[in-house]
Amino acid sequence: MQSISYLQFYGFKKEPFSAAPDESFWFSSPQHTEALTKVLHAIKNYRGLILVTGDIGLGKTTLARKLLRELLMDKIFEPALIVIVHSSVGTIWFLKKIAYFLRLKEEEEDPVSIVSKISRKLLEMHKENKIPVFLIDEANMLKNKEIMEEIRGLLNIEIPGKRLINFVLFGLPEVEDNLKIDMPLYERVALKIKIKPLDLESSKSYIKHRLKIAGGNDNVFSEETYPLIFKHSRGKPRLINTICDNALLEGFLKKKKIIDAGIIRKVVEELSL
């Protein structure tokens, strides 16, 4: 009830700083816009394997969902998003996911048979001028050498000048080390993008942007709060969201229409930041 009340108190239509990834809040920071442009270029030019890394809370998942939406808007692409939820996922599970999104009915448990069907499907899609793209979020969970070998094998399905499948891996920096388990696969990485924290000015713009998207007053945070939020969040969007969400709740409880530095200090102390 408190979150609903603070929405009403500040005039928001939805939570401006929800922890759940929401592509509608996409913020076009210079680096995220550049990353999106580079990845789209690589996909359109059949580069095959693309790597997007960054620390926790820097917006990789939001970028993945934004990219998925961009690809869905262009009929030439056949995109799919796969989220790796556990490091124990096996080769058959992974190949069946690929087959499923390629609309193949796959009941076999033999990886050779599954890959053979995927290969034929990819050739068919190429003749139809379709580009399959698999966005893999939490790719740092992929630690199985056999899966790496299967990804490499799928990337080997090509015609002169073109790979017939694209993988965009989103994950923590360790995903790069995991790929080195299979050096021939690692050497196929055509594009590497490292997402970094926002600077002070981008952090301020990010906060105001989310407030606008939520339908409220983008001046609800006083000017003195931005350096404090930046300092304690270290420019990480996820931490910015946490601080700002708690600050709005605290402001609501104190019936303050404007969030001041005192509220931010109280919140970061309670969050042990």
C-alpha atoms as a PDB file:
ATOM      1  CA  MET A   1       0.000   0.000   0.000  1.00  0.00           C
ATOM      2  CA  GLN A   2       2.915   2.359   0.721  1.00  0.00           C
ATOM      3  CA  SER A   3       4.319   2.122  -2.824  1.00  0.00           C
ATOM      4  CA  ILE A   4       0.850   2.869  -4.263  1.00  0.00           C
ATOM      5  CA  SER A   5       0.486   5.770  -1.825  1.00  0.00           C
ATOM      6  CA  TYR A   6       3.790   7.329  -2.792  1.00  0.00           C
ATOM      7  CA  LEU A   7       2.805   7.022  -6.454  1.00  0.00           C
ATOM      8  CA  GLN A   8      -0.332   9.001  -5.702  1.00  0.00           C
ATOM      9  CA  PHE A   9       1.530  11.459  -3.452  1.00  0.00           C
ATOM     10  CA  TYR A  10       4.037  12.356  -6.180  1.00  0.00           C
ATOM     11  CA  GLY A  11       1.626  11.930  -9.085  1.00  0.00           C
ATOM     12  CA  PHE A  12       3.302   8.982 -10.800  1.00  0.00           C
ATOM     13  CA  LYS A  13       1.430   6.631 -13.097  1.00  0.00           C
ATOM     14  CA  LYS A  14       3.866   3.795 -12.406  1.00  0.00           C
ATOM     15  CA  GLU A  15       6.925   3.142 -10.267  1.00  0.00           C
ATOM     16  CA  PRO A  16       9.805   5.216 -11.646  1.00  0.00           C
ATOM     17  CA  PHE A  17      12.536   3.151 -10.025  1.00  0.00           C
ATOM     18  CA  SER A  18      11.285  -0.420 -10.015  1.00  0.00           C
ATOM     19  CA  ALA A  19      13.969  -3.096  -9.664  1.00  0.00           C
ATOM     20  CA  ALA A  20      12.426  -5.154 -12.481  1.00  0.00           C
ATOM     21  CA  PRO A  21      13.916  -4.556 -15.960  1.00  0.00           C
ATOM     22  CA  ASP A  22      11.494  -2.483 -18.025  1.00  0.00           C
ATOM     23  CA  GLU A  23      12.383  -1.625 -21.615  1.00  0.00           C
ATOM     24  CA  SER A  24       9.917   1.285 -21.587  1.00  0.00           C
ATOM     25  CA  PHE A  25      12.370   3.089 -19.272  1.00  0.00           C
ATOM     26  CA  TRP A  26      15.210   2.719 -21.785  1.00  0.00           C
ATOM     27  CA  PHE A  27      17.683   5.549 -21.234  1.00  0.00           C
ATOM     28  CA  SER A  28      19.755   6.571 -24.241  1.00  0.00           C
ATOM     29  CA  SER A  29      23.021   7.344 -22.512  1.00  0.00           C
ATOM     30  CA  PRO A  30      25.884   7.916 -24.968  1.00  0.00           C
ATOM     31  CA  GLN A  31      27.482   4.562 -24.197  1.00  0.00           C
ATOM     32  CA  HIS A  32      24.249   2.533 -24.303  1.00  0.00           C
ATOM     33  CA  THR A  33      23.229   4.158 -27.583  1.00  0.00           C
ATOM     34  CA  GLU A  34      26.675   3.447 -29.033  1.00  0.00           C
ATOM     35  CA  ALA A  35      26.506  -0.166 -27.831  1.00  0.00           C
ATOM     36  CA  LEU A  36      23.087  -0.649 -29.415  1.00  0.00           C
ATOM     37  CA  THR A  37      24.277   0.824 -32.723  1.00  0.00           C
ATOM     38  CA  LYS A  38      27.424  -1.325 -32.816  1.00  0.00           C
ATOM     39  CA  VAL A  39      25.574  -4.541 -32.002  1.00  0.00           C
ATOM     40  CA  LEU A  40      22.903  -3.899 -34.649  1.00  0.00           C
ATOM     41  CA  HIS A  41      25.621  -3.222 -37.212  1.00  0.00           C
ATOM     42  CA  ALA A  42      27.437  -6.441 -36.329  1.00  0.00           C
ATOM     43  CA  ILE A  43      24.243  -8.494 -36.558  1.00  0.00           C
ATOM     44  CA  LYS A  44      23.230  -7.014 -39.911  1.00  0.00           C
ATOM     45  CA  ASN A  45      26.669  -7.886 -41.249  1.00  0.00           C
ATOM     46  CA  TYR A  46      26.592 -11.516 -40.079  1.00  0.00           C
ATOM     47  CA  ARG A  47      29.466 -11.159 -37.595  1.00  0.00           C
ATOM     48  CA  GLY A  48      28.311 -14.234 -35.659  1.00  0.00           C
ATOM     49  CA  LEU A  49      29.505 -13.780 -32.070  1.00  0.00           C
ATOM     50  CA  ILE A  50      29.149 -10.561 -30.074  1.00  0.00           C
ATOM     51  CA  LEU A  51      30.040 -10.019 -26.425  1.00  0.00           C
ATOM     52  CA  VAL A  52      28.512  -7.392 -24.106  1.00  0.00           C
ATOM     53  CA  THR A  53      29.971  -7.375 -20.597  1.00  0.00           C
ATOM     54  CA  GLY A  54      29.751  -5.214 -17.494  1.00  0.00           C
ATOM     55  CA  ASP A  55      29.510  -5.369 -13.723  1.00  0.00           C
ATOM     56  CA  ILE A  56      26.259  -6.059 -11.862  1.00  0.00           C
ATOM     57  CA  GLY A  57      23.598  -3.386 -12.189  1.00  0.00           C
ATOM     58  CA  LEU A  58      24.884  -1.504 -15.245  1.00  0.00           C
ATOM     59  CA  GLY A  59      21.882  -2.119 -17.491  1.00  0.00           C
ATOM     60  CA  LYS A  60      22.924  -5.133 -19.577  1.00  0.00           C
ATOM     61  CA  THR A  61      19.523  -6.827 -19.230  1.00  0.00           C
ATOM     62  CA  THR A  62      17.680  -3.642 -20.190  1.00  0.00           C
ATOM     63  CA  LEU A  63      19.990  -3.306 -23.192  1.00  0.00           C
ATOM     64  CA  ALA A  64      19.230  -6.903 -24.194  1.00  0.00           C
ATOM     65  CA  ARG A  65      15.485  -6.260 -24.068  1.00  0.00           C
ATOM     66  CA  LYS A  66      15.834  -3.003 -25.987  1.00  0.00           C
ATOM     67  CA  LEU A  67      17.835  -4.833 -28.641  1.00  0.00           C
ATOM     68  CA  LEU A  68      15.204  -7.573 -28.817  1.00  0.00           C
ATOM     69  CA  ARG A  69      12.504  -4.991 -29.457  1.00  0.00           C
ATOM     70  CA  GLU A  70      14.575  -3.268 -32.140  1.00  0.00           C
ATOM     71  CA  LEU A  71      15.125  -6.584 -33.907  1.00  0.00           C
ATOM     72  CA  LEU A  72      11.451  -7.538 -33.698  1.00  0.00           C
ATOM     73  CA  MET A  73      10.557  -4.335 -35.523  1.00  0.00           C
ATOM     74  CA  ASP A  74      12.591  -5.372 -38.570  1.00  0.00           C
ATOM     75  CA  LYS A  75      11.087  -8.291 -40.488  1.00  0.00           C
ATOM     76  CA  ILE A  76      14.477  -9.503 -41.690  1.00  0.00           C
ATOM     77  CA  PHE A  77      15.411 -10.670 -38.186  1.00  0.00           C
ATOM     78  CA  GLU A  78      14.240 -13.714 -36.244  1.00  0.00           C
ATOM     79  CA  PRO A  79      15.361 -12.856 -32.701  1.00  0.00           C
ATOM     80  CA  ALA A  80      15.015 -14.768 -29.448  1.00  0.00           C
ATOM     81  CA  LEU A  81      16.056 -14.045 -25.874  1.00  0.00           C
ATOM     82  CA  ILE A  82      17.392 -16.879 -23.744  1.00  0.00           C
ATOM     83  CA  VAL A  83      18.070 -16.238 -20.050  1.00  0.00           C
ATOM     84  CA  ILE A  84      20.525 -18.643 -18.412  1.00  0.00           C
ATOM     85  CA  VAL A  85      19.302 -19.176 -14.855  1.00  0.00           C
ATOM     86  CA  HIS A  86      21.752 -21.824 -13.664  1.00  0.00           C
ATOM     87  CA  SER A  87      25.342 -22.793 -14.393  1.00  0.00           C
ATOM     88  CA  SER A  88      24.410 -26.461 -14.604  1.00  0.00           C
ATOM     89  CA  VAL A  89      22.471 -26.172 -17.874  1.00  0.00           C
ATOM     90  CA  GLY A  90      23.564 -28.866 -20.289  1.00  0.00           C
ATOM     91  CA  THR A  91      24.196 -29.215 -23.996  1.00  0.00           C
ATOM     92  CA  ILE A  92      20.870 -30.882 -24.824  1.00  0.00           C
ATOM     93  CA  TRP A  93      18.898 -28.197 -22.966  1.00  0.00           C
ATOM     94  CA  PHE A  94      20.774 -25.478 -24.842  1.00  0.00           C
ATOM     95  CA  LEU A  95      20.374 -27.055 -28.276  1.00  0.00           C
ATOM     96  CA  LYS A  96      16.683 -27.720 -27.667  1.00  0.00           C
ATOM     97  CA  LYS A  97      16.206 -24.055 -26.768  1.00  0.00           C
ATOM     98  CA  ILE A  98      17.786 -23.064 -30.076  1.00  0.00           C
ATOM     99  CA  ALA A  99      15.628 -25.586 -31.919  1.00  0.00           C
ATOM    100  CA  TYR A 100      12.479 -24.402 -30.146  1.00  0.00           C
ATOM    101  CA  PHE A 101      13.007 -20.776 -31.124  1.00  0.00           C
ATOM    102  CA  LEU A 102      13.703 -21.868 -34.687  1.00  0.00           C
ATOM    103  CA  ARG A 103      10.271 -23.535 -34.593  1.00  0.00           C
ATOM    104  CA  LEU A 104      11.687 -27.041 -34.853  1.00  0.00           C
ATOM    105  CA  LYS A 105       9.900 -29.885 -33.103  1.00  0.00           C
ATOM    106  CA  GLU A 106      12.758 -31.598 -31.368  1.00  0.00           C
ATOM    107  CA  GLU A 107      12.178 -34.691 -29.274  1.00  0.00           C
ATOM    108  CA  GLU A 108      15.515 -36.394 -29.813  1.00  0.00           C
ATOM    109  CA  GLU A 109      18.254 -36.406 -27.213  1.00  0.00           C
ATOM    110  CA  ASP A 110      21.123 -36.807 -29.660  1.00  0.00           C
ATOM    111  CA  PRO A 111      23.032 -33.513 -30.114  1.00  0.00           C
ATOM    112  CA  VAL A 112      24.261 -34.530 -33.578  1.00  0.00           C
ATOM    113  CA  SER A 113      20.680 -35.006 -34.803  1.00  0.00           C
ATOM    114  CA  ILE A 114      19.527 -31.723 -33.259  1.00  0.00           C
ATOM    115  CA  VAL A 115      22.419 -29.776 -34.780  1.00  0.00           C
ATOM    116  CA  SER A 116      21.752 -31.394 -38.161  1.00  0.00           C
ATOM    117  CA  LYS A 117      18.138 -30.181 -38.103  1.00  0.00           C
ATOM    118  CA  ILE A 118      19.218 -26.721 -36.936  1.00  0.00           C
ATOM    119  CA  SER A 119      21.722 -26.563 -39.790  1.00  0.00           C
ATOM    120  CA  ARG A 120      19.079 -27.362 -42.402  1.00  0.00           C
ATOM    121  CA  LYS A 121      16.734 -24.789 -40.863  1.00  0.00           C
ATOM    122  CA  LEU A 122      19.403 -22.089 -40.944  1.00  0.00           C
ATOM    123  CA  LEU A 123      20.014 -22.707 -44.635  1.00  0.00           C
ATOM    124  CA  GLU A 124      16.281 -22.459 -45.295  1.00  0.00           C
ATOM    125  CA  MET A 125      16.100 -19.194 -43.371  1.00  0.00           C
ATOM    126  CA  HIS A 126      18.992 -17.775 -45.347  1.00  0.00           C
ATOM    127  CA  LYS A 127      17.166 -18.512 -48.600  1.00  0.00           C
ATOM    128  CA  GLU A 128      14.204 -16.605 -47.140  1.00  0.00           C
ATOM    129  CA  ASN A 129      16.521 -13.656 -46.292  1.00  0.00           C
ATOM    130  CA  LYS A 130      15.987 -14.176 -42.560  1.00  0.00           C
ATOM    131  CA  ILE A 131      18.716 -13.537 -39.976  1.00  0.00           C
ATOM    132  CA  PRO A 132      18.374 -15.574 -36.749  1.00  0.00           C
ATOM    133  CA  VAL A 133      19.704 -13.801 -33.665  1.00  0.00           C
ATOM    134  CA  PHE A 134      19.995 -15.353 -30.206  1.00  0.00           C
ATOM    135  CA  LEU A 135      20.414 -12.941 -27.305  1.00  0.00           C
ATOM    136  CA  ILE A 136      21.755 -14.817 -24.299  1.00  0.00           C
ATOM    137  CA  ASP A 137      21.383 -12.983 -20.977  1.00  0.00           C
ATOM    138  CA  GLU A 138      23.369 -14.027 -17.889  1.00  0.00           C
ATOM    139  CA  ALA A 139      25.795 -15.721 -20.286  1.00  0.00           C
ATOM    140  CA  ASN A 140      28.403 -15.823 -17.504  1.00  0.00           C
ATOM    141  CA  MET A 141      26.427 -18.839 -16.260  1.00  0.00           C
ATOM    142  CA  LEU A 142      27.616 -20.789 -19.314  1.00  0.00           C
ATOM    143  CA  LYS A 143      30.612 -22.652 -17.938  1.00  0.00           C
ATOM    144  CA  ASN A 144      30.181 -25.953 -19.744  1.00  0.00           C
ATOM    145  CA  LYS A 145      32.921 -26.658 -22.301  1.00  0.00           C
ATOM    146  CA  GLU A 146      30.533 -28.844 -24.309  1.00  0.00           C
ATOM    147  CA  ILE A 147      28.103 -25.919 -24.721  1.00  0.00           C
ATOM    148  CA  MET A 148      30.978 -23.726 -25.899  1.00  0.00           C
ATOM    149  CA  GLU A 149      31.833 -26.356 -28.490  1.00  0.00           C
ATOM    150  CA  GLU A 150      28.217 -26.472 -29.686  1.00  0.00           C
ATOM    151  CA  ILE A 151      28.100 -22.683 -30.042  1.00  0.00           C
ATOM    152  CA  ARG A 152      31.300 -22.858 -32.076  1.00  0.00           C
ATOM    153  CA  GLY A 153      29.826 -25.633 -34.187  1.00  0.00           C
ATOM    154  CA  LEU A 154      26.694 -23.579 -34.884  1.00  0.00           C
ATOM    155  CA  LEU A 155      28.826 -20.595 -35.848  1.00  0.00           C
ATOM    156  CA  ASN A 156      30.622 -22.833 -38.339  1.00  0.00           C
ATOM    157  CA  ILE A 157      27.371 -23.188 -40.269  1.00  0.00           C
ATOM    158  CA  GLU A 158      28.086 -20.561 -42.894  1.00  0.00           C
ATOM    159  CA  ILE A 159      28.234 -19.680 -46.535  1.00  0.00           C
ATOM    160  CA  PRO A 160      31.022 -17.565 -48.073  1.00  0.00           C
ATOM    161  CA  GLY A 161      31.132 -14.241 -46.240  1.00  0.00           C
ATOM    162  CA  LYS A 162      28.193 -14.946 -43.936  1.00  0.00           C
ATOM    163  CA  ARG A 163      27.564 -16.808 -40.713  1.00  0.00           C
ATOM    164  CA  LEU A 164      24.010 -18.111 -40.680  1.00  0.00           C
ATOM    165  CA  ILE A 165      23.408 -17.550 -36.965  1.00  0.00           C
ATOM    166  CA  ASN A 166      24.237 -14.720 -34.563  1.00  0.00           C
ATOM    167  CA  PHE A 167      24.833 -14.959 -30.813  1.00  0.00           C
ATOM    168  CA  VAL A 168      24.938 -11.865 -28.589  1.00  0.00           C
ATOM    169  CA  LEU A 169      26.181 -12.802 -25.120  1.00  0.00           C
ATOM    170  CA  PHE A 170      25.326 -10.476 -22.214  1.00  0.00           C
ATOM    171  CA  GLY A 171      27.040 -11.148 -18.912  1.00  0.00           C
ATOM    172  CA  LEU A 172      29.463 -10.265 -16.151  1.00  0.00           C
ATOM    173  CA  PRO A 173      33.120  -9.751 -17.131  1.00  0.00           C
ATOM    174  CA  GLU A 174      33.857 -13.385 -16.263  1.00  0.00           C
ATOM    175  CA  VAL A 175      31.969 -14.496 -19.383  1.00  0.00           C
ATOM    176  CA  GLU A 176      35.074 -13.590 -21.363  1.00  0.00           C
ATOM    177  CA  ASP A 177      37.187 -15.939 -19.247  1.00  0.00           C
ATOM    178  CA  ASN A 178      34.565 -18.671 -19.627  1.00  0.00           C
ATOM    179  CA  LEU A 179      34.742 -18.367 -23.405  1.00  0.00           C
ATOM    180  CA  LYS A 180      38.480 -18.967 -23.215  1.00  0.00           C
ATOM    181  CA  ILE A 181      37.675 -22.523 -22.136  1.00  0.00           C
ATOM    182  CA  ASP A 182      37.305 -22.998 -25.881  1.00  0.00           C
ATOM    183  CA  MET A 183      39.937 -20.749 -27.459  1.00  0.00           C
ATOM    184  CA  PRO A 184      38.785 -21.369 -31.053  1.00  0.00           C
ATOM    185  CA  LEU A 185      35.365 -20.028 -29.961  1.00  0.00           C
ATOM    186  CA  TYR A 186      36.872 -17.058 -28.118  1.00  0.00           C
ATOM    187  CA  GLU A 187      38.827 -16.133 -31.237  1.00  0.00           C
ATOM    188  CA  ARG A 188      35.515 -15.914 -33.119  1.00  0.00           C
ATOM    189  CA  VAL A 189      34.288 -12.987 -30.990  1.00  0.00           C
ATOM    190  CA  ALA A 190      33.749 -10.291 -33.630  1.00  0.00           C
ATOM    191  CA  LEU A 191      32.743  -7.451 -31.299  1.00  0.00           C
ATOM    192  CA  LYS A 192      33.353  -6.762 -27.614  1.00  0.00           C
ATOM    193  CA  ILE A 193      31.481  -4.055 -25.731  1.00  0.00           C
ATOM    194  CA  LYS A 194      32.117  -3.204 -22.086  1.00  0.00           C
ATOM    195  CA  ILE A 195      29.354  -1.311 -20.295  1.00  0.00           C
ATOM    196  CA  LYS A 196      30.651   1.179 -17.722  1.00  0.00           C
ATOM    197  CA  PRO A 197      28.938   3.129 -14.902  1.00  0.00           C
ATOM    198  CA  LEU A 198      27.228   6.427 -15.669  1.00  0.00           C
ATOM    199  CA  ASP A 199      29.018   9.686 -14.919  1.00  0.00           C
ATOM    200  CA  LEU A 200      27.450  12.395 -12.743  1.00  0.00           C
ATOM    201  CA  GLU A 201      25.702  14.227 -15.582  1.00  0.00           C
ATOM    202  CA  SER A 202      24.347  10.999 -17.098  1.00  0.00           C
ATOM    203  CA  SER A 203      23.189   9.840 -13.654  1.00  0.00           C
ATOM    204  CA  LYS A 204      21.209  13.043 -13.220  1.00  0.00           C
ATOM    205  CA  SER A 205      19.716  12.745 -16.707  1.00  0.00           C
ATOM    206  CA  TYR A 206      18.888   9.082 -16.014  1.00  0.00           C
ATOM    207  CA  ILE A 207      16.925   9.978 -12.859  1.00  0.00           C
ATOM    208  CA  LYS A 208      15.006  12.783 -14.565  1.00  0.00           C
ATOM    209  CA  HIS A 209      14.276  10.544 -17.548  1.00  0.00           C
ATOM    210  CA  ARG A 210      12.740   7.827 -15.388  1.00  0.00           C
ATOM    211  CA  LEU A 211      10.652  10.376 -13.480  1.00  0.00           C
ATOM    212  CA  LYS A 212       9.261  11.699 -16.778  1.00  0.00           C
ATOM    213  CA  ILE A 213       8.485   8.232 -18.127  1.00  0.00           C
ATOM    214  CA  ALA A 214       6.653   7.434 -14.882  1.00  0.00           C
ATOM    215  CA  GLY A 215       4.463  10.491 -15.520  1.00  0.00           C
ATOM    216  CA  GLY A 216       5.572  12.634 -12.606  1.00  0.00           C
ATOM    217  CA  ASN A 217       7.488  15.810 -11.825  1.00  0.00           C
ATOM    218  CA  ASP A 218      11.119  15.423 -12.925  1.00  0.00           C
ATOM    219  CA  ASN A 219      12.194  18.043 -10.366  1.00  0.00           C
ATOM    220  CA  VAL A 220      11.099  16.041  -7.324  1.00  0.00           C
ATOM    221  CA  PHE A 221      14.790  15.569  -6.411  1.00  0.00           C
ATOM    222  CA  SER A 222      16.551  18.792  -5.380  1.00  0.00           C
ATOM    223  CA  GLU A 223      19.817  19.709  -7.133  1.00  0.00           C
ATOM    224  CA  GLU A 224      21.879  18.917  -4.023  1.00  0.00           C
ATOM    225  CA  THR A 225      20.769  15.263  -4.099  1.00  0.00           C
ATOM    226  CA  TYR A 226      22.357  14.309  -7.432  1.00  0.00           C
ATOM    227  CA  PRO A 227      26.035  14.363  -6.359  1.00  0.00           C
ATOM    228  CA  LEU A 228      25.095  12.315  -3.282  1.00  0.00           C
ATOM    229  CA  ILE A 229      23.154   9.745  -5.288  1.00  0.00           C
ATOM    230  CA  PHE A 230      26.006   9.502  -7.783  1.00  0.00           C
ATOM    231  CA  LYS A 231      28.617   9.120  -5.042  1.00  0.00           C
ATOM    232  CA  HIS A 232      26.826   6.311  -3.224  1.00  0.00           C
ATOM    233  CA  SER A 233      25.566   4.493  -6.342  1.00  0.00           C
ATOM    234  CA  ARG A 234      28.931   4.832  -8.111  1.00  0.00           C
ATOM    235  CA  GLY A 235      26.947   5.498 -11.266  1.00  0.00           C
ATOM    236  CA  LYS A 236      25.335   2.047 -11.333  1.00  0.00           C
ATOM    237  CA  PRO A 237      21.733   2.305 -12.596  1.00  0.00           C
ATOM    238  CA  ARG A 238      20.520  -0.500 -10.340  1.00  0.00           C
ATOM    239  CA  LEU A 239      21.843   1.237  -7.213  1.00  0.00           C
ATOM    240  CA  ILE A 240      20.506   4.577  -8.433  1.00  0.00           C
ATOM    241  CA  ASN A 241      17.079   2.951  -8.675  1.00  0.00           C
ATOM    242  CA  THR A 242      17.360   1.495  -5.180  1.00  0.00           C
ATOM    243  CA  ILE A 243      18.405   4.798  -3.605  1.00  0.00           C
ATOM    244  CA  CYS A 244      15.769   6.836  -5.445  1.00  0.00           C
ATOM    245  CA  ASP A 245      12.949   4.384  -4.750  1.00  0.00           C
ATOM    246  CA  ASN A 246      13.737   4.373  -1.034  1.00  0.00           C
ATOM    247  CA  ALA A 247      14.096   8.153  -1.062  1.00  0.00           C
ATOM    248  CA  LEU A 248      10.630   8.599  -2.554  1.00  0.00           C
ATOM    249  CA  LEU A 249       9.146   6.289   0.049  1.00  0.00           C
ATOM    250  CA  GLU A 250      10.955   8.188   2.802  1.00  0.00           C
ATOM    251  CA  GLY A 251       9.802  11.491   1.329  1.00  0.00           C
ATOM    252  CA  PHE A 252       6.228  10.247   1.241  1.00  0.00           C
ATOM    253  CA  LEU A 253       6.378   9.156   4.875  1.00  0.00           C
ATOM    254  CA  LYS A 254       7.675  12.626   5.822  1.00  0.00           C
ATOM    255  CA  LYS A 255       5.131  14.299   3.499  1.00  0.00           C
ATOM    256  CA  LYS A 256       7.892  16.136   1.621  1.00  0.00           C
ATOM    257  CA  LYS A 257       7.118  16.975  -2.006  1.00  0.00           C
ATOM    258  CA  ILE A 258      10.817  17.588  -2.724  1.00  0.00           C
ATOM    259  CA  ILE A 259      13.535  15.056  -1.886  1.00  0.00           C
ATOM    260  CA  ASP A 260      16.447  16.800  -0.172  1.00  0.00           C
ATOM    261  CA  ALA A 261      19.992  15.800   0.766  1.00  0.00           C
ATOM    262  CA  GLY A 262      18.939  14.808   4.289  1.00  0.00           C
ATOM    263  CA  ILE A 263      16.589  12.134   2.934  1.00  0.00           C
ATOM    264  CA  ILE A 264      19.306  10.754   0.641  1.00  0.00           C
ATOM    265  CA  ARG A 265      21.797  10.575   3.542  1.00  0.00           C
ATOM    266  CA  LYS A 266      19.269   8.725   5.685  1.00  0.00           C
ATOM    267  CA  VAL A 267      18.480   6.268   2.908  1.00  0.00           C
ATOM    268  CA  VAL A 268      22.091   5.442   2.026  1.00  0.00           C
ATOM    269  CA  GLU A 269      22.853   4.920   5.716  1.00  0.00           C
ATOM    270  CA  GLU A 270      19.939   2.508   6.055  1.00  0.00           C
ATOM    271  CA  LEU A 271      21.019   0.707   2.883  1.00  0.00           C
ATOM    272  CA  SER A 272      24.590   0.498   4.202  1.00  0.00           C
ATOM    273  CA  LEU A 273      25.937   2.214   1.098  1.00  0.00           C
END
